[in-house]
Amino acid sequence: MMTCREIAERTTDYLEGQLGFVARLGFRLHVGLCAGCRAWLEQIRTTVASLGELPDEPAPAPDVMRELQSRFQIWRETEPPRTESPD
């Protein structure tokens, strides 16, 4: 039977009908038995359906993307490490 990691890695293939019979059967068996993977699959289906309803927007210009990536990298490097909050 597939693991949860394998389900996550193969979800797109499953939804696009790219899995063979045995793999598809293993995928369905695992999802049928694993509540977490059922939720994951439903989230992905919902996301795909939602994205299909978005209007087409032009991609940001390459210089805008580079600037965003640069700023994100600076933020990551200067962000203090997170600590776990007590339960």
Protein backbone atom coordinates (compact mmCIF):
# COMPACT_ATOMS: atom_id res chain seq x y z
CA MET A 1 0.00 0.00 0.00
CA MET A 2 1.19 3.54 -0.71
CA THR A 3 2.44 5.80 2.06
CA CYS A 4 1.06 9.27 2.79
CA ARG A 5 4.19 10.76 1.20
CA GLU A 6 3.60 8.77 -1.98
CA ILE A 7 -0.01 9.95 -2.06
CA ALA A 8 1.14 13.57 -1.82
CA GLU A 9 3.73 13.03 -4.54
CA ARG A 10 1.34 11.25 -6.91
CA THR A 11 -1.85 13.25 -6.41
CA THR A 12 -1.41 15.25 -9.60
CA ASP A 13 -0.79 12.09 -11.61
CA TYR A 14 -3.92 10.55 -10.08
CA LEU A 15 -6.09 13.56 -10.85
CA GLU A 16 -4.76 13.74 -14.41
CA GLY A 17 -5.41 10.03 -15.00
CA GLN A 18 -1.70 9.26 -15.39
CA LEU A 19 -1.50 6.33 -12.94
CA GLY A 20 -1.64 2.78 -14.18
CA PHE A 21 -4.28 0.36 -12.93
CA VAL A 22 -2.28 -1.05 -10.01
CA ALA A 23 -1.00 2.36 -8.88
CA ARG A 24 -4.50 3.85 -9.15
CA LEU A 25 -5.88 0.96 -7.10
CA GLY A 26 -3.18 1.45 -4.44
CA PHE A 27 -3.89 5.19 -4.40
CA ARG A 28 -7.62 4.67 -3.94
CA LEU A 29 -7.10 2.02 -1.26
CA HIS A 30 -4.84 4.29 0.77
CA VAL A 31 -7.13 7.32 0.41
CA GLY A 32 -10.09 5.15 1.40
CA LEU A 33 -8.35 4.17 4.64
CA CYS A 34 -6.53 7.42 5.52
CA ALA A 35 -8.59 10.43 6.64
CA GLY A 36 -5.62 12.77 6.29
CA CYS A 37 -5.01 11.80 2.68
CA ARG A 38 -8.74 12.05 1.90
CA ALA A 39 -8.63 15.62 3.22
CA TRP A 40 -5.46 16.31 1.18
CA LEU A 41 -7.05 15.00 -2.00
CA GLU A 42 -10.18 17.10 -1.43
CA GLN A 43 -8.05 20.20 -0.80
CA ILE A 44 -6.19 19.67 -4.05
CA ARG A 45 -9.43 19.10 -5.97
CA THR A 46 -10.89 22.29 -4.47
CA THR A 47 -7.74 24.24 -5.33
CA VAL A 48 -7.73 23.00 -8.92
CA ALA A 49 -11.43 23.86 -9.32
CA SER A 50 -10.90 27.32 -7.81
CA LEU A 51 -7.91 28.09 -10.02
CA GLY A 52 -9.90 27.09 -13.06
CA GLU A 53 -12.32 29.90 -12.22
CA LEU A 54 -9.69 32.63 -11.96
CA PRO A 55 -9.51 35.17 -14.77
CA ASP A 56 -6.43 35.08 -16.94
CA GLU A 57 -3.94 37.65 -15.69
CA PRO A 58 -0.62 38.46 -17.28
CA ALA A 59 2.40 37.25 -15.35
CA PRO A 60 4.46 39.95 -13.63
CA ALA A 61 7.35 41.30 -15.64
CA PRO A 62 10.65 39.46 -15.10
CA ASP A 63 12.19 42.45 -13.31
CA VAL A 64 9.24 42.51 -10.87
CA MET A 65 9.67 38.80 -10.15
CA ARG A 66 13.41 39.26 -9.54
CA GLU A 67 12.69 42.13 -7.14
CA LEU A 68 10.12 40.06 -5.24
CA GLN A 69 12.49 37.12 -4.99
CA SER A 70 15.29 39.39 -3.79
CA ARG A 71 13.12 40.97 -1.12
CA PHE A 72 11.86 37.58 0.03
CA GLN A 73 15.42 36.30 0.31
CA ILE A 74 16.43 39.35 2.37
CA TRP A 75 13.40 38.84 4.61
CA ARG A 76 14.26 35.16 5.14
CA GLU A 77 17.84 36.02 6.04
CA THR A 78 16.84 38.71 8.55
CA GLU A 79 13.77 37.02 10.07
CA PRO A 80 14.55 35.81 13.59
CA PRO A 81 14.20 32.05 14.07
CA ARG A 82 10.79 30.93 15.19
CA THR A 83 10.35 29.20 18.50
CA GLU A 84 7.67 26.68 19.27
CA SER A 85 4.87 28.08 21.38
CA PRO A 86 4.01 26.09 24.52
CA ASP A 87 0.84 24.03 24.34
